[in-house]
Amino acid sequence: MASGGYRDYFRVLGVERSADSDTIKRAFRKLARQYHPDVNPGDKESEAKFKEINEAYEVLSDDEKRRKYEQFGQYWNKSPGIGGPSGNSFDVDFGRYGNFDEFINDLLGRFGGAKGTSGFPGAFSTGGFTTGGPGFSKGSNRSSMRLDAEVDLKVGFLEALHGSERTLAVNAEKVQVRIPKGIRQGAKLRLKGKGNLDSASGFRGDLYLHLSIQDHPVWNLDGINIKGNLPVSFDEIALGCNVKVITPDGEAKVIIPAGTSPGRCLRLKGKGWPSSNGRGDLLLTLKIHVPDQWSNEEIEILNRLKDVRSFDPRVSWIETASL
């Protein structure tokens, strides 16, 4: 922002000329949030106001600059040895910051509003989970307050397939979370502004949920296909039939052809896991279910079948086993 012309920095921040450093800092934080470009995308007036606020804070937060400003007024930055926000020195490259809090933390650090990580709150907790505290950002030459938190969240198989809404207790706050349908194992969700709180600045980081899908007693995931066993009786695969089954999407009917061998896989197209190319398939493997007890009539029928059976199921097996 060009610095031509005199600005009353106290008026810019809305504070009295006698305001102390804490009052100036609070006023700056409030206005910076109000006029930040992320909050007002495409609003040039807000962006200009935001830079003006930062310019005022740069001067008034520095004891030496403030003293010169109060002494020389509009000529304060002309005095030798005092660098003011002249020329393009306060142009801000917003693209280098991941979010608003990262920008503010950097800004306060450069202007003397945040020293290292002192005053950083303790760990973030939710439902028994405890995550990160303060640290130093690797590869950076400035202090970085780590306000982001991470939590592991288990979701059911069908919940991950169809998506759902969850209410989480984050400290004393209830937070609504939308779990997208078709999430994969290890997926990560970001809840903006629900992480650690810096009590000194009032800023909060983000909360990251690491999702793990729980095992299902019937269904399991294989790529984008869902697999499961379908119990059938001997007469159903011998004679063939239409059977009603339960799929992850609800009830469906499948046709079992006559003479189907146990272990055969039936494919229901488009009933699998969602993906960018559409849903996979549901694969049902036929497994003969033998009852613990037979009725007298069933035993009689089985004995008749044994007497009239025309094939030996082990002929080819014996020939192969003896090679």
Protein backbone atom coordinates (compact mmCIF):
# COMPACT_ATOMS: atom_id res chain seq x y z
CA MET A 1 0.00 0.00 0.00
CA ALA A 2 1.38 3.41 -0.90
CA SER A 3 2.20 5.50 2.09
CA GLY A 4 1.81 8.96 0.56
CA GLY A 5 -0.15 11.34 2.80
CA TYR A 6 -0.51 11.42 6.55
CA ARG A 7 -2.52 8.79 8.39
CA ASP A 8 -3.67 8.98 11.95
CA TYR A 9 -2.67 5.47 12.97
CA PHE A 10 -4.53 5.76 16.27
CA ARG A 11 -7.72 6.55 14.38
CA VAL A 12 -7.03 3.72 11.90
CA LEU A 13 -7.00 1.24 14.81
CA GLY A 14 -9.81 3.03 16.64
CA VAL A 15 -7.85 3.63 19.85
CA GLU A 16 -6.98 6.65 21.98
CA ARG A 17 -3.54 8.20 21.65
CA SER A 18 -2.88 7.11 25.22
CA ALA A 19 -3.65 3.44 24.43
CA ASP A 20 -1.16 0.93 25.81
CA SER A 21 0.37 -1.93 23.80
CA ASP A 22 -2.23 -4.49 24.88
CA THR A 23 -5.10 -2.24 23.80
CA ILE A 24 -3.43 -1.64 20.44
CA LYS A 25 -2.84 -5.35 19.98
CA ARG A 26 -6.49 -6.22 20.73
CA ALA A 27 -7.74 -3.56 18.33
CA PHE A 28 -5.42 -4.82 15.60
CA ARG A 29 -6.53 -8.45 15.97
CA LYS A 30 -10.19 -7.51 15.81
CA LEU A 31 -9.81 -5.35 12.71
CA ALA A 32 -7.40 -7.75 10.99
CA ARG A 33 -9.96 -10.53 11.21
CA GLN A 34 -12.72 -8.22 9.96
CA TYR A 35 -10.87 -7.00 6.86
CA HIS A 36 -8.69 -10.01 6.00
CA PRO A 37 -8.86 -10.87 2.25
CA ASP A 38 -9.85 -14.46 3.05
CA VAL A 39 -12.96 -13.13 4.76
CA ASN A 40 -13.64 -10.61 1.98
CA PRO A 41 -12.51 -12.33 -1.25
CA GLY A 42 -12.22 -9.96 -4.19
CA ASP A 43 -13.02 -6.88 -2.09
CA LYS A 44 -10.30 -4.36 -2.98
CA GLU A 45 -11.54 -1.83 -0.42
CA SER A 46 -11.23 -4.38 2.40
CA GLU A 47 -7.79 -5.40 1.18
CA ALA A 48 -6.66 -1.76 1.21
CA LYS A 49 -8.11 -1.30 4.68
CA PHE A 50 -6.36 -4.46 5.83
CA LYS A 51 -2.98 -3.18 4.67
CA GLU A 52 -3.63 0.17 6.32
CA ILE A 53 -4.40 -1.60 9.62
CA ASN A 54 -1.17 -3.58 9.37
CA GLU A 55 0.78 -0.42 8.59
CA ALA A 56 -0.66 1.28 11.66
CA TYR A 57 0.09 -1.68 13.87
CA GLU A 58 3.66 -1.95 12.60
CA VAL A 59 4.31 1.58 13.77
CA LEU A 60 2.34 1.69 17.02
CA SER A 61 3.52 -1.72 18.25
CA ASP A 62 7.16 -0.65 18.04
CA ASP A 63 8.15 1.66 20.90
CA GLU A 64 10.80 3.52 18.92
CA LYS A 65 8.62 3.99 15.82
CA ARG A 66 5.69 5.10 17.95
CA ARG A 67 7.84 7.64 19.77
CA LYS A 68 9.05 9.09 16.44
CA TYR A 69 5.50 9.06 15.05
CA GLU A 70 4.15 10.95 18.05
CA GLN A 71 7.07 13.38 17.91
CA PHE A 72 7.30 14.10 14.17
CA GLY A 73 3.80 13.23 12.93
CA GLN A 74 3.69 12.75 9.14
CA TYR A 75 7.49 13.22 8.94
CA TRP A 76 8.27 10.50 11.47
CA ASN A 77 9.69 8.09 8.90
CA LYS A 78 11.86 10.77 7.35
CA SER A 79 14.06 10.94 10.43
CA PRO A 80 17.41 9.14 10.13
CA GLY A 81 17.65 5.59 11.36
CA ILE A 82 13.93 4.88 11.53
CA GLY A 83 12.48 2.65 8.87
CA GLY A 84 8.80 3.23 8.22
CA PRO A 85 6.25 1.54 6.01
CA SER A 86 7.28 3.52 2.94
CA GLY A 87 7.23 2.53 -0.70
CA ASN A 88 6.21 -1.10 -1.15
CA SER A 89 7.68 -2.34 2.12
CA PHE A 90 4.27 -3.42 3.40
CA ASP A 91 2.95 -5.17 0.34
CA VAL A 92 1.79 -8.60 1.52
CA ASP A 93 2.15 -11.85 -0.42
CA PHE A 94 -0.90 -13.66 0.91
CA GLY A 95 -0.16 -16.76 -1.19
CA ARG A 96 2.77 -17.77 1.02
CA TYR A 97 0.51 -18.40 4.01
CA GLY A 98 -1.56 -21.57 4.42
CA ASN A 99 -4.29 -19.83 6.39
CA PHE A 100 -5.16 -16.63 8.25
CA ASP A 101 -3.78 -17.78 11.60
CA GLU A 102 -0.40 -18.57 10.05
CA PHE A 103 -0.26 -15.05 8.60
CA ILE A 104 -1.22 -13.39 11.89
CA ASN A 105 1.28 -15.46 13.87
CA ASP A 106 4.03 -14.47 11.45
CA LEU A 107 2.95 -10.84 11.55
CA LEU A 108 2.85 -10.66 15.34
CA GLY A 109 6.24 -12.34 15.47
CA ARG A 110 7.81 -9.80 13.10
CA PHE A 111 6.24 -6.84 14.87
CA GLY A 112 7.10 -8.03 18.35
CA GLY A 113 3.60 -9.20 19.26
CA ALA A 114 4.60 -12.86 19.66
CA LYS A 115 7.91 -14.02 21.04
CA GLY A 116 8.71 -17.62 20.15
CA THR A 117 6.08 -19.99 21.45
CA SER A 118 5.64 -18.53 24.93
CA GLY A 119 2.07 -18.41 26.11
CA PHE A 120 1.06 -21.28 23.84
CA PRO A 121 -1.73 -23.31 25.37
CA GLY A 122 -1.53 -26.93 26.39
CA ALA A 123 -2.60 -29.87 24.31
CA PHE A 124 -5.91 -30.16 22.54
CA SER A 125 -8.22 -32.87 23.78
CA THR A 126 -11.45 -34.41 22.57
CA GLY A 127 -13.08 -37.48 23.99
CA GLY A 128 -9.90 -38.77 25.60
CA PHE A 129 -7.61 -37.98 22.67
CA THR A 130 -4.73 -35.60 23.31
CA THR A 131 -2.72 -34.05 20.52
CA GLY A 132 0.09 -31.67 19.72
CA GLY A 133 1.39 -28.74 21.68
CA PRO A 134 3.75 -25.97 20.57
CA GLY A 135 6.72 -26.56 18.35
CA PHE A 136 9.09 -25.04 15.84
CA SER A 137 8.36 -25.19 12.13
CA LYS A 138 11.15 -27.07 10.35
CA GLY A 139 12.75 -25.28 7.47
CA SER A 140 11.55 -21.92 8.79
CA ASN A 141 13.58 -19.07 10.19
CA ARG A 142 10.77 -17.85 12.40
CA SER A 143 8.82 -19.23 15.33
CA SER A 144 5.64 -21.07 14.41
CA MET A 145 2.82 -21.73 16.83
CA ARG A 146 1.32 -25.10 16.05
CA LEU A 147 -2.34 -24.54 16.65
CA ASP A 148 -3.50 -27.50 14.52
CA ALA A 149 -4.62 -30.69 16.27
CA GLU A 150 -5.06 -34.27 15.07
CA VAL A 151 -7.48 -36.95 16.27
CA ASP A 152 -8.10 -40.55 15.21
CA LEU A 153 -11.77 -41.28 14.45
CA LYS A 154 -13.21 -44.75 13.84
CA VAL A 155 -16.16 -45.08 11.46
CA GLY A 156 -18.29 -48.10 10.62
CA PHE A 157 -18.03 -49.88 7.26
CA LEU A 158 -21.52 -48.89 6.10
CA GLU A 159 -21.05 -45.40 7.54
CA ALA A 160 -17.96 -44.96 5.36
CA LEU A 161 -19.78 -46.40 2.34
CA HIS A 162 -22.87 -44.20 2.49
CA GLY A 163 -21.50 -41.19 4.39
CA SER A 164 -22.98 -39.80 7.58
CA GLU A 165 -23.21 -36.91 10.02
CA ARG A 166 -21.35 -37.12 13.33
CA THR A 167 -21.47 -34.89 16.41
CA LEU A 168 -18.14 -34.73 18.18
CA ALA A 169 -17.42 -33.30 21.61
CA VAL A 170 -14.41 -31.01 21.18
CA ASN A 171 -13.59 -29.87 24.70
CA ALA A 172 -16.83 -28.16 25.79
CA GLU A 173 -18.02 -27.60 22.21
CA LYS A 174 -20.21 -29.84 20.05
CA VAL A 175 -19.00 -29.97 16.46
CA GLN A 176 -20.95 -31.35 13.48
CA VAL A 177 -18.85 -33.44 11.10
CA ARG A 178 -19.96 -34.62 7.67
CA ILE A 179 -18.30 -37.87 6.64
CA PRO A 180 -18.39 -38.07 2.81
CA LYS A 181 -19.64 -41.28 1.22
CA GLY A 182 -17.01 -43.62 -0.14
CA ILE A 183 -14.14 -42.49 2.07
CA ARG A 184 -11.11 -44.76 2.09
CA GLN A 185 -9.01 -46.16 4.90
CA GLY A 186 -6.68 -43.48 6.27
CA ALA A 187 -8.64 -40.54 4.83
CA LYS A 188 -8.19 -37.19 6.59
CA LEU A 189 -10.85 -34.53 7.20
CA ARG A 190 -10.11 -30.92 8.13
CA LEU A 191 -12.32 -28.92 10.47
CA LYS A 192 -11.30 -25.31 10.05
CA GLY A 193 -10.90 -23.29 13.22
CA LYS A 194 -11.58 -26.20 15.59
CA GLY A 195 -8.03 -26.90 16.72
CA ASN A 196 -5.87 -25.58 19.54
CA LEU A 197 -6.60 -22.14 20.96
CA ASP A 198 -3.88 -19.58 21.62
CA SER A 199 -5.24 -17.81 24.67
CA ALA A 200 -2.90 -14.87 24.12
CA SER A 201 -4.04 -14.04 20.59
CA GLY A 202 -7.46 -15.67 20.51
CA PHE A 203 -6.59 -17.56 17.32
CA ARG A 204 -7.44 -21.23 16.74
CA GLY A 205 -5.85 -23.77 14.48
CA ASP A 206 -7.59 -26.52 12.53
CA LEU A 207 -8.65 -29.97 13.66
CA TYR A 208 -7.64 -32.90 11.44
CA LEU A 209 -9.56 -36.17 11.74
CA HIS A 210 -7.70 -39.31 10.67
CA LEU A 211 -10.38 -41.84 9.72
CA SER A 212 -10.09 -45.59 10.14
CA ILE A 213 -12.80 -47.91 8.84
CA GLN A 214 -13.86 -50.67 11.22
CA ASP A 215 -14.18 -54.28 10.06
CA HIS A 216 -17.65 -55.57 9.16
CA PRO A 217 -18.78 -59.10 10.12
CA VAL A 218 -20.01 -59.81 6.57
CA TRP A 219 -18.56 -57.31 4.12
CA ASN A 220 -14.96 -56.53 3.28
CA LEU A 221 -13.40 -54.16 0.77
CA ASP A 222 -11.20 -55.32 -2.11
CA GLY A 223 -10.18 -52.31 -4.16
CA ILE A 224 -13.50 -50.79 -5.18
CA ASN A 225 -15.34 -54.12 -4.92
CA ILE A 226 -17.19 -55.32 -1.85
CA LYS A 227 -16.96 -59.02 -1.07
CA GLY A 228 -19.01 -61.27 1.17
CA ASN A 229 -20.23 -64.85 1.57
CA LEU A 230 -23.84 -65.83 0.78
CA PRO A 231 -25.11 -68.86 2.71
CA VAL A 232 -27.15 -71.28 0.56
CA SER A 233 -28.65 -74.75 0.99
CA PHE A 234 -27.80 -77.82 -1.06
CA ASP A 235 -31.14 -77.90 -2.86
CA GLU A 236 -30.86 -74.18 -3.80
CA ILE A 237 -27.62 -74.63 -5.72
CA ALA A 238 -28.68 -78.04 -7.07
CA LEU A 239 -32.08 -76.98 -8.39
CA GLY A 240 -31.49 -73.24 -8.82
CA CYS A 241 -33.67 -70.50 -7.36
CA ASN A 242 -34.32 -66.81 -6.85
CA VAL A 243 -33.28 -65.71 -3.36
CA LYS A 244 -33.72 -62.49 -1.43
CA VAL A 245 -30.45 -61.20 -0.05
CA ILE A 246 -29.30 -58.28 2.03
CA THR A 247 -26.65 -56.08 0.41
CA PRO A 248 -24.89 -52.99 1.77
CA ASP A 249 -27.58 -51.01 -0.10
CA GLY A 250 -30.50 -52.99 1.32
CA GLU A 251 -32.58 -55.88 -0.04
CA ALA A 252 -32.03 -57.35 -3.49
CA LYS A 253 -32.89 -60.52 -5.42
CA VAL A 254 -30.29 -62.74 -7.06
CA ILE A 255 -30.66 -65.74 -9.35
CA ILE A 256 -28.75 -68.90 -8.48
CA PRO A 257 -28.54 -71.07 -11.61
CA ALA A 258 -29.28 -74.81 -11.29
CA GLY A 259 -26.19 -76.91 -10.79
CA THR A 260 -24.11 -74.05 -9.42
CA SER A 261 -21.02 -75.24 -7.60
CA PRO A 262 -20.30 -74.08 -4.04
CA GLY A 263 -17.68 -71.33 -4.02
CA ARG A 264 -18.97 -69.70 -7.19
CA CYS A 265 -19.06 -65.92 -7.10
CA LEU A 266 -22.15 -63.97 -8.10
CA ARG A 267 -21.55 -60.40 -9.27
CA LEU A 268 -23.94 -57.52 -8.65
CA LYS A 269 -22.70 -54.68 -10.83
CA GLY A 270 -22.60 -51.16 -9.43
CA LYS A 271 -23.21 -52.24 -5.85
CA GLY A 272 -19.63 -51.83 -4.66
CA TRP A 273 -17.57 -48.95 -3.27
CA PRO A 274 -17.89 -45.44 -4.76
CA SER A 275 -14.94 -44.13 -6.74
CA SER A 276 -14.17 -41.36 -9.23
CA ASN A 277 -15.08 -43.78 -12.03
CA GLY A 278 -18.36 -44.91 -10.48
CA ARG A 279 -19.11 -47.69 -8.06
CA GLY A 280 -17.43 -51.06 -8.01
CA ASP A 281 -19.27 -54.39 -7.84
CA LEU A 282 -20.64 -56.55 -5.05
CA LEU A 283 -19.23 -60.09 -5.15
CA LEU A 284 -21.19 -62.81 -3.34
CA THR A 285 -19.44 -66.16 -2.83
CA LEU A 286 -21.85 -69.11 -2.42
CA LYS A 287 -21.24 -71.15 0.71
CA ILE A 288 -23.33 -74.22 1.55
CA HIS A 289 -24.80 -73.95 5.01
CA VAL A 290 -25.39 -77.29 6.73
CA PRO A 291 -27.84 -77.32 9.64
CA ASP A 292 -26.79 -78.62 13.03
CA GLN A 293 -29.75 -81.03 13.01
CA TRP A 294 -31.83 -82.64 10.23
CA SER A 295 -35.49 -83.55 10.51
CA ASN A 296 -36.50 -87.21 10.08
CA GLU A 297 -38.04 -86.40 6.71
CA GLU A 298 -34.88 -84.68 5.52
CA ILE A 299 -32.76 -87.65 6.60
CA GLU A 300 -35.12 -90.00 4.73
CA ILE A 301 -34.81 -87.89 1.55
CA LEU A 302 -31.04 -87.79 1.86
CA ASN A 303 -30.90 -91.59 2.22
CA ARG A 304 -32.96 -91.98 -0.92
CA LEU A 305 -30.66 -89.56 -2.72
CA LYS A 306 -27.65 -91.60 -1.60
CA ASP A 307 -29.21 -94.75 -3.02
CA VAL A 308 -30.02 -93.24 -6.41
CA ARG A 309 -27.01 -90.90 -6.81
CA SER A 310 -25.39 -91.64 -10.17
CA PHE A 311 -21.96 -90.06 -9.75
CA ASP A 312 -18.95 -90.31 -7.48
CA PRO A 313 -17.82 -86.76 -6.48
CA ARG A 314 -14.26 -88.00 -5.80
CA VAL A 315 -13.40 -89.72 -9.08
CA SER A 316 -11.44 -86.83 -10.61
CA TRP A 317 -9.99 -85.96 -7.19
CA ILE A 318 -8.62 -89.51 -6.72
CA GLU A 319 -7.10 -89.51 -10.20
CA THR A 320 -5.41 -86.15 -9.60
CA ALA A 321 -4.27 -87.00 -6.06
CA SER A 322 -2.52 -90.16 -7.22
CA LEU A 323 -0.35 -88.45 -9.85
